[in-house]
Structures are given as C-alpha cells and as structure tokens.
Amino acid sequence: MNVKISMLVIAFAVVASVGLSPSLVMNQSTSAVSHWCESQGKSSSWVEGCKNGWADHDNCRSYDHELSGDMVKGYKVGWSKGSCH
C-alpha cells in the first residue's frame, strides 16, 4: 500500500514539474531584461524603450505607438525579445 502511495506522489510530482517547466523557462527576470537592454550600448531612452517593449510583450499588452526617436527603436527591439504567454 505504501509503495502505491509513494508511486502516486512521484507521478504527481513529475506531471507537475513537466507542466510548470515551460513557464519557468519562458519567464525572464526583470534584472535579466534590464541587463540585456543596457548591455546593447544605446542611449538611456533606447534602453528604457527596450525594457518597456519587452515587459509589454511579456504581459500581452498592446504595442504603444505614441513613442518616438530612440525610445521607439528600443521598444521595437524589446518587443521582439518578449513573448506573450
């Protein structure tokens, strides 16, 4: 009886970990996004746009067309890195 319960617990753990692993892999931490955008060597407005675009796409928000200059260029790059899920 204990063996059956143990096997059931292990099976549940495997199913749960397989179910959660894609979301854990896809989520980028805020610091990773900031580091990537900042490491591109662009202007501060480009970096801010990059972070915002990445965050908006990760959170399934719509593209913000009110941006201009370097900020919109960074936003587009960040948007391409993000992933709506």
N, C-alpha and C. Protein backbone atom coordinates (compact mmCIF):
# COMPACT_ATOMS: atom_id res chain seq x y z
N MET A 1 0.81 -1.19 0.00
CA MET A 1 0.00 0.00 0.00
C MET A 1 0.87 1.27 0.00
N ASN A 2 1.92 1.30 0.85
CA ASN A 2 2.81 2.46 0.91
C ASN A 2 3.54 2.67 -0.41
N VAL A 3 3.86 1.58 -1.10
CA VAL A 3 4.55 1.68 -2.38
C VAL A 3 3.64 2.35 -3.41
N LYS A 4 2.36 2.02 -3.40
CA LYS A 4 1.41 2.62 -4.34
C LYS A 4 1.27 4.11 -4.08
N ILE A 5 1.21 4.50 -2.83
CA ILE A 5 1.09 5.91 -2.48
C ILE A 5 2.37 6.66 -2.88
N SER A 6 3.51 6.06 -2.62
CA SER A 6 4.78 6.67 -3.00
C SER A 6 4.87 6.86 -4.51
N MET A 7 4.46 5.86 -5.26
CA MET A 7 4.49 5.94 -6.73
C MET A 7 3.53 7.03 -7.22
N LEU A 8 2.37 7.14 -6.58
CA LEU A 8 1.40 8.16 -6.95
C LEU A 8 1.97 9.56 -6.68
N VAL A 9 2.62 9.73 -5.56
CA VAL A 9 3.23 11.03 -5.22
C VAL A 9 4.33 11.37 -6.22
N ILE A 10 5.15 10.41 -6.58
CA ILE A 10 6.22 10.64 -7.56
C ILE A 10 5.63 10.98 -8.91
N ALA A 11 4.62 10.25 -9.33
CA ALA A 11 3.98 10.53 -10.62
C ALA A 11 3.39 11.93 -10.64
N PHE A 12 2.75 12.33 -9.55
CA PHE A 12 2.18 13.67 -9.47
C PHE A 12 3.27 14.73 -9.55
N ALA A 13 4.38 14.51 -8.87
CA ALA A 13 5.50 15.47 -8.89
C ALA A 13 6.06 15.61 -10.30
N VAL A 14 6.19 14.51 -11.01
CA VAL A 14 6.72 14.55 -12.38
C VAL A 14 5.77 15.32 -13.30
N VAL A 15 4.48 15.03 -13.20
CA VAL A 15 3.50 15.72 -14.04
C VAL A 15 3.49 17.21 -13.72
N ALA A 16 3.53 17.56 -12.47
CA ALA A 16 3.53 18.97 -12.07
C ALA A 16 4.78 19.69 -12.56
N SER A 17 5.94 19.05 -12.45
CA SER A 17 7.17 19.71 -12.88
C SER A 17 7.22 19.86 -14.40
N VAL A 18 6.72 18.90 -15.13
CA VAL A 18 6.68 19.00 -16.60
C VAL A 18 5.69 20.08 -17.01
N GLY A 19 4.61 20.21 -16.29
CA GLY A 19 3.62 21.23 -16.60
C GLY A 19 4.10 22.64 -16.31
N LEU A 20 4.92 22.80 -15.30
CA LEU A 20 5.40 24.12 -14.91
C LEU A 20 6.68 24.54 -15.61
N SER A 21 7.46 23.60 -16.07
CA SER A 21 8.78 23.93 -16.61
C SER A 21 8.76 24.89 -17.79
N PRO A 22 7.84 24.79 -18.75
CA PRO A 22 7.86 25.77 -19.85
C PRO A 22 7.65 27.20 -19.37
N SER A 23 6.76 27.40 -18.41
CA SER A 23 6.53 28.77 -17.93
C SER A 23 7.74 29.28 -17.17
N LEU A 24 8.45 28.41 -16.47
CA LEU A 24 9.64 28.84 -15.75
C LEU A 24 10.76 29.20 -16.71
N VAL A 25 10.87 28.48 -17.80
CA VAL A 25 11.91 28.75 -18.78
C VAL A 25 11.61 30.02 -19.55
N MET A 26 10.34 30.26 -19.87
CA MET A 26 9.97 31.40 -20.70
C MET A 26 10.02 32.72 -19.95
N ASN A 27 9.78 32.73 -18.65
CA ASN A 27 9.78 33.97 -17.88
C ASN A 27 11.19 34.51 -17.72
N GLN A 28 11.38 35.73 -18.15
CA GLN A 28 12.66 36.40 -17.97
C GLN A 28 12.56 37.27 -16.73
N SER A 29 13.55 37.23 -15.89
CA SER A 29 13.53 38.10 -14.73
C SER A 29 13.74 39.54 -15.16
N THR A 30 13.25 40.46 -14.35
CA THR A 30 13.39 41.88 -14.66
C THR A 30 14.85 42.27 -14.75
N SER A 31 15.68 41.72 -13.90
CA SER A 31 17.11 42.09 -13.93
C SER A 31 17.77 41.57 -15.21
N ALA A 32 17.36 40.41 -15.70
CA ALA A 32 17.92 39.88 -16.95
C ALA A 32 17.54 40.76 -18.12
N VAL A 33 16.29 41.21 -18.15
CA VAL A 33 15.83 42.10 -19.22
C VAL A 33 16.62 43.41 -19.15
N SER A 34 16.72 43.99 -17.96
CA SER A 34 17.46 45.25 -17.79
C SER A 34 18.90 45.09 -18.23
N HIS A 35 19.53 44.02 -17.82
CA HIS A 35 20.93 43.79 -18.18
C HIS A 35 21.08 43.66 -19.69
N TRP A 36 20.21 42.90 -20.33
CA TRP A 36 20.33 42.71 -21.78
C TRP A 36 20.16 44.04 -22.50
N CYS A 37 19.12 44.80 -22.15
CA CYS A 37 18.87 46.08 -22.81
C CYS A 37 20.02 47.05 -22.58
N GLU A 38 20.52 47.11 -21.34
CA GLU A 38 21.61 48.04 -21.02
C GLU A 38 22.92 47.63 -21.68
N SER A 39 23.11 46.35 -21.91
CA SER A 39 24.38 45.87 -22.50
C SER A 39 24.48 46.17 -23.99
N GLN A 40 23.42 46.70 -24.58
CA GLN A 40 23.46 47.00 -26.02
C GLN A 40 24.20 48.29 -26.34
N GLY A 41 24.54 49.07 -25.31
CA GLY A 41 25.33 50.28 -25.52
C GLY A 41 24.59 51.41 -26.20
N LYS A 42 23.29 51.47 -26.01
CA LYS A 42 22.47 52.50 -26.65
C LYS A 42 22.17 53.61 -25.64
N SER A 43 21.44 54.63 -26.10
CA SER A 43 21.08 55.76 -25.25
C SER A 43 20.12 55.32 -24.14
N SER A 44 19.99 56.16 -23.12
CA SER A 44 19.11 55.82 -21.99
C SER A 44 17.65 55.71 -22.43
N SER A 45 17.23 56.55 -23.40
CA SER A 45 15.84 56.45 -23.86
C SER A 45 15.64 55.16 -24.65
N TRP A 46 16.65 54.71 -25.40
CA TRP A 46 16.56 53.43 -26.12
C TRP A 46 16.43 52.28 -25.12
N VAL A 47 17.26 52.31 -24.07
CA VAL A 47 17.23 51.26 -23.05
C VAL A 47 15.87 51.23 -22.37
N GLU A 48 15.33 52.39 -22.04
CA GLU A 48 14.01 52.46 -21.40
C GLU A 48 12.93 51.90 -22.33
N GLY A 49 13.00 52.26 -23.60
CA GLY A 49 12.05 51.72 -24.58
C GLY A 49 12.17 50.21 -24.70
N CYS A 50 13.40 49.71 -24.70
CA CYS A 50 13.66 48.27 -24.78
C CYS A 50 13.01 47.54 -23.61
N LYS A 51 13.23 48.04 -22.41
CA LYS A 51 12.65 47.41 -21.21
C LYS A 51 11.12 47.44 -21.28
N ASN A 52 10.56 48.58 -21.68
CA ASN A 52 9.10 48.71 -21.74
C ASN A 52 8.50 47.80 -22.80
N GLY A 53 9.14 47.72 -23.97
CA GLY A 53 8.64 46.86 -25.03
C GLY A 53 8.67 45.40 -24.63
N TRP A 54 9.76 44.98 -24.00
CA TRP A 54 9.90 43.59 -23.55
C TRP A 54 8.82 43.27 -22.51
N ALA A 55 8.64 44.17 -21.54
CA ALA A 55 7.64 43.96 -20.48
C ALA A 55 6.22 43.95 -21.05
N ASP A 56 5.93 44.86 -21.99
CA ASP A 56 4.59 44.89 -22.58
C ASP A 56 4.29 43.60 -23.33
N HIS A 57 5.25 43.11 -24.10
CA HIS A 57 5.01 41.87 -24.85
C HIS A 57 4.91 40.68 -23.91
N ASP A 58 5.74 40.62 -22.88
CA ASP A 58 5.66 39.53 -21.90
C ASP A 58 4.31 39.51 -21.19
N ASN A 59 3.72 40.69 -20.99
CA ASN A 59 2.44 40.79 -20.28
C ASN A 59 1.25 40.92 -21.23
N CYS A 60 1.49 40.65 -22.52
CA CYS A 60 0.43 40.64 -23.54
C CYS A 60 -0.29 41.98 -23.66
N ARG A 61 0.43 43.06 -23.48
CA ARG A 61 -0.16 44.38 -23.67
C ARG A 61 0.04 44.79 -25.12
N SER A 62 -0.75 45.74 -25.58
CA SER A 62 -0.64 46.17 -26.97
C SER A 62 0.56 47.10 -27.16
N TYR A 63 1.02 47.17 -28.38
CA TYR A 63 2.15 48.00 -28.77
C TYR A 63 1.80 49.46 -28.57
N ASP A 64 2.70 50.24 -27.99
CA ASP A 64 2.48 51.66 -27.72
C ASP A 64 3.03 52.47 -28.89
N HIS A 65 2.15 53.04 -29.69
CA HIS A 65 2.57 53.78 -30.88
C HIS A 65 2.87 55.25 -30.61
N GLU A 66 2.75 55.70 -29.38
CA GLU A 66 2.98 57.10 -29.04
C GLU A 66 4.46 57.42 -28.80
N LEU A 67 5.34 56.47 -28.93
CA LEU A 67 6.75 56.69 -28.68
C LEU A 67 7.41 57.31 -29.91
N SER A 68 8.58 57.92 -29.70
CA SER A 68 9.30 58.49 -30.84
C SER A 68 10.81 58.38 -30.60
N GLY A 69 11.57 58.56 -31.65
CA GLY A 69 13.03 58.58 -31.58
C GLY A 69 13.63 57.27 -31.12
N ASP A 70 14.68 57.40 -30.29
CA ASP A 70 15.39 56.22 -29.80
C ASP A 70 14.49 55.31 -28.96
N MET A 71 13.53 55.91 -28.26
CA MET A 71 12.67 55.10 -27.40
C MET A 71 11.86 54.10 -28.22
N VAL A 72 11.32 54.52 -29.35
CA VAL A 72 10.53 53.60 -30.19
C VAL A 72 11.43 52.54 -30.81
N LYS A 73 12.66 52.89 -31.14
CA LYS A 73 13.60 51.90 -31.69
C LYS A 73 13.90 50.83 -30.65
N GLY A 74 14.15 51.26 -29.41
CA GLY A 74 14.39 50.32 -28.33
C GLY A 74 13.16 49.49 -28.00
N TYR A 75 12.00 50.14 -28.06
CA TYR A 75 10.75 49.45 -27.78
C TYR A 75 10.55 48.29 -28.75
N LYS A 76 10.80 48.55 -30.03
CA LYS A 76 10.63 47.51 -31.05
C LYS A 76 11.57 46.33 -30.81
N VAL A 77 12.81 46.62 -30.42
CA VAL A 77 13.76 45.54 -30.14
C VAL A 77 13.31 44.77 -28.91
N GLY A 78 12.92 45.47 -27.86
CA GLY A 78 12.43 44.80 -26.65
C GLY A 78 11.19 43.98 -26.93
N TRP A 79 10.30 44.51 -27.74
CA TRP A 79 9.06 43.80 -28.11
C TRP A 79 9.41 42.49 -28.80
N SER A 80 10.41 42.51 -29.67
CA SER A 80 10.79 41.28 -30.38
C SER A 80 11.40 40.25 -29.44
N LYS A 81 11.97 40.68 -28.32
CA LYS A 81 12.56 39.76 -27.35
C LYS A 81 11.50 39.18 -26.42
N GLY A 82 10.44 39.93 -26.15
CA GLY A 82 9.39 39.48 -25.25
C GLY A 82 8.55 38.37 -25.87
N SER A 83 7.71 37.78 -25.06
CA SER A 83 6.88 36.67 -25.52
C SER A 83 5.59 36.62 -24.73
N CYS A 84 4.49 36.91 -25.39
CA CYS A 84 3.18 36.89 -24.74
C CYS A 84 2.79 35.47 -24.39
N HIS A 85 2.50 35.24 -23.14
CA HIS A 85 2.07 33.90 -22.70
C HIS A 85 1.07 34.00 -21.59
